[in-house]
């Protein structure tokens, strides 16, 4: 395909896209909510990609051999490990309190990563 044919095909595609765009604008002209959605969909987002290294936190507890058979000891040790980890990462946790009707919800979020 030579340059003239390529240019002609591109002009046809551009014309079709402009026609489709104008049709869409005419359809959503009466509805501001749809107009806003259309603009948000077509607006380019400024996204920055960076590499992020995650920091690993570990906690370890030893269970003596003579206590390993007791079911409660394993569960208690898991709870103690969770408390140990919490002590280290608690400054990175953000809390959000929301109230709807008479129900209060608390959301905790944590992102542990280092740039």
Protein backbone atom coordinates (compact mmCIF):
# COMPACT_ATOMS: atom_id res chain seq x y z
CA UNK A 1 0.00 0.00 0.00
CA UNK A 2 1.46 3.33 -0.95
CA UNK A 3 1.47 6.55 1.05
CA UNK A 4 -1.54 8.06 -0.76
CA UNK A 5 -3.73 5.05 0.02
CA UNK A 6 -2.58 4.99 3.64
CA UNK A 7 -3.37 8.69 4.00
CA UNK A 8 -6.83 8.17 2.47
CA UNK A 9 -7.65 5.29 4.85
CA UNK A 10 -6.51 7.29 7.85
CA UNK A 11 -8.72 10.22 6.79
CA UNK A 12 -11.71 7.87 6.53
CA UNK A 13 -11.01 6.44 10.01
CA UNK A 14 -10.66 9.93 11.50
CA UNK A 15 -13.92 11.03 9.88
CA UNK A 16 -15.73 7.97 11.27
CA UNK A 17 -14.33 8.54 14.77
CA UNK A 18 -15.35 12.22 14.70
CA UNK A 19 -18.84 11.23 13.56
CA UNK A 20 -19.13 8.68 16.38
CA UNK A 21 -17.86 11.26 18.88
CA UNK A 22 -20.41 13.86 17.72
CA UNK A 23 -23.22 11.29 17.90
CA UNK A 24 -22.24 10.39 21.46
CA UNK A 25 -22.14 14.07 22.44
CA UNK A 26 -25.64 14.58 21.00
CA UNK A 27 -26.98 11.58 22.93
CA UNK A 28 -25.61 12.62 26.32
CA UNK A 29 -26.12 16.38 25.94
CA UNK A 30 -29.30 16.41 28.12
CA UNK A 31 -27.90 14.36 30.98
CA UNK A 32 -25.13 16.03 33.04
CA UNK A 33 -24.30 12.80 34.89
CA UNK A 34 -23.66 10.94 31.63
CA UNK A 35 -21.65 13.92 30.35
CA UNK A 36 -19.47 13.79 33.45
CA UNK A 37 -18.94 10.03 33.08
CA UNK A 38 -18.06 10.44 29.41
CA UNK A 39 -15.54 13.17 30.21
CA UNK A 40 -13.98 11.10 33.00
CA UNK A 41 -13.72 8.08 30.71
CA UNK A 42 -12.00 10.04 27.94
CA UNK A 43 -9.79 12.19 30.14
CA UNK A 44 -6.25 10.84 30.35
CA UNK A 45 -5.09 9.91 33.82
CA UNK A 46 -1.77 11.13 35.12
CA UNK A 47 -0.38 7.88 36.46
CA UNK A 48 3.16 7.51 37.72
CA UNK A 49 4.65 4.04 37.83
CA UNK A 50 7.33 3.40 40.41
CA UNK A 51 8.92 0.31 41.79
CA UNK A 52 7.98 -0.42 45.36
CA UNK A 53 9.83 -2.73 47.66
CA UNK A 54 7.88 -4.27 50.48
CA UNK A 55 9.22 -4.59 53.95
CA UNK A 56 8.77 -8.00 55.52
CA UNK A 57 7.92 -8.32 59.19
CA UNK A 58 8.29 -11.60 61.04
CA UNK A 59 7.60 -12.76 64.55
CA UNK A 60 8.61 -16.12 65.95
CA UNK A 61 7.72 -17.96 69.13
CA UNK A 62 9.00 -21.35 70.16
CA UNK A 63 6.69 -24.03 71.58
CA UNK A 64 8.36 -26.65 73.77
CA UNK A 65 7.97 -30.25 72.58
CA UNK A 66 6.02 -31.35 75.65
CA UNK A 67 3.41 -28.56 75.00
CA UNK A 68 3.01 -29.01 71.22
CA UNK A 69 0.17 -31.52 71.65
CA UNK A 70 -2.05 -29.11 73.59
CA UNK A 71 -4.53 -27.48 71.18
CA UNK A 72 -4.93 -24.23 73.11
CA UNK A 73 -1.21 -23.54 73.19
CA UNK A 74 -0.97 -23.27 69.38
CA UNK A 75 -3.93 -20.86 69.19
CA UNK A 76 -2.59 -18.77 72.08
CA UNK A 77 0.82 -18.63 70.39
CA UNK A 78 -0.77 -17.43 67.13
CA UNK A 79 -2.55 -14.65 69.02
CA UNK A 80 0.69 -13.67 70.75
CA UNK A 81 2.48 -13.54 67.38
CA UNK A 82 -0.24 -11.29 65.97
CA UNK A 83 0.20 -8.96 68.96
CA UNK A 84 3.98 -8.92 68.43
CA UNK A 85 3.52 -7.96 64.76
CA UNK A 86 0.97 -5.33 65.69
CA UNK A 87 3.47 -3.62 67.99
CA UNK A 88 5.84 -3.20 65.04
CA UNK A 89 3.40 -2.05 62.36
CA UNK A 90 0.79 -0.10 64.37
CA UNK A 91 2.16 3.31 63.28
CA UNK A 92 1.46 2.38 59.62
CA UNK A 93 -2.23 1.56 60.17
CA UNK A 94 -4.86 4.14 59.22
CA UNK A 95 -8.35 3.99 60.67
CA UNK A 96 -11.57 5.30 59.14
CA UNK A 97 -14.74 5.53 61.21
CA UNK A 98 -18.06 5.65 59.35
CA UNK A 99 -21.55 5.93 60.80
CA UNK A 100 -24.62 4.89 58.84
CA UNK A 101 -27.96 5.01 60.62
CA UNK A 102 -27.14 3.52 64.03
CA UNK A 103 -24.33 1.28 62.78
CA UNK A 104 -20.73 2.32 63.22
CA UNK A 105 -18.09 0.72 61.05
CA UNK A 106 -14.36 1.04 61.54
CA UNK A 107 -12.06 0.21 58.63
CA UNK A 108 -8.36 -0.34 59.18
CA UNK A 109 -5.95 -0.16 56.25
CA UNK A 110 -2.25 -0.88 56.10
CA UNK A 111 0.23 -0.54 53.26
CA UNK A 112 3.74 -1.50 54.19
CA UNK A 113 6.07 -0.61 51.37
CA UNK A 114 9.15 1.49 50.91
CA UNK A 115 10.12 3.52 47.83
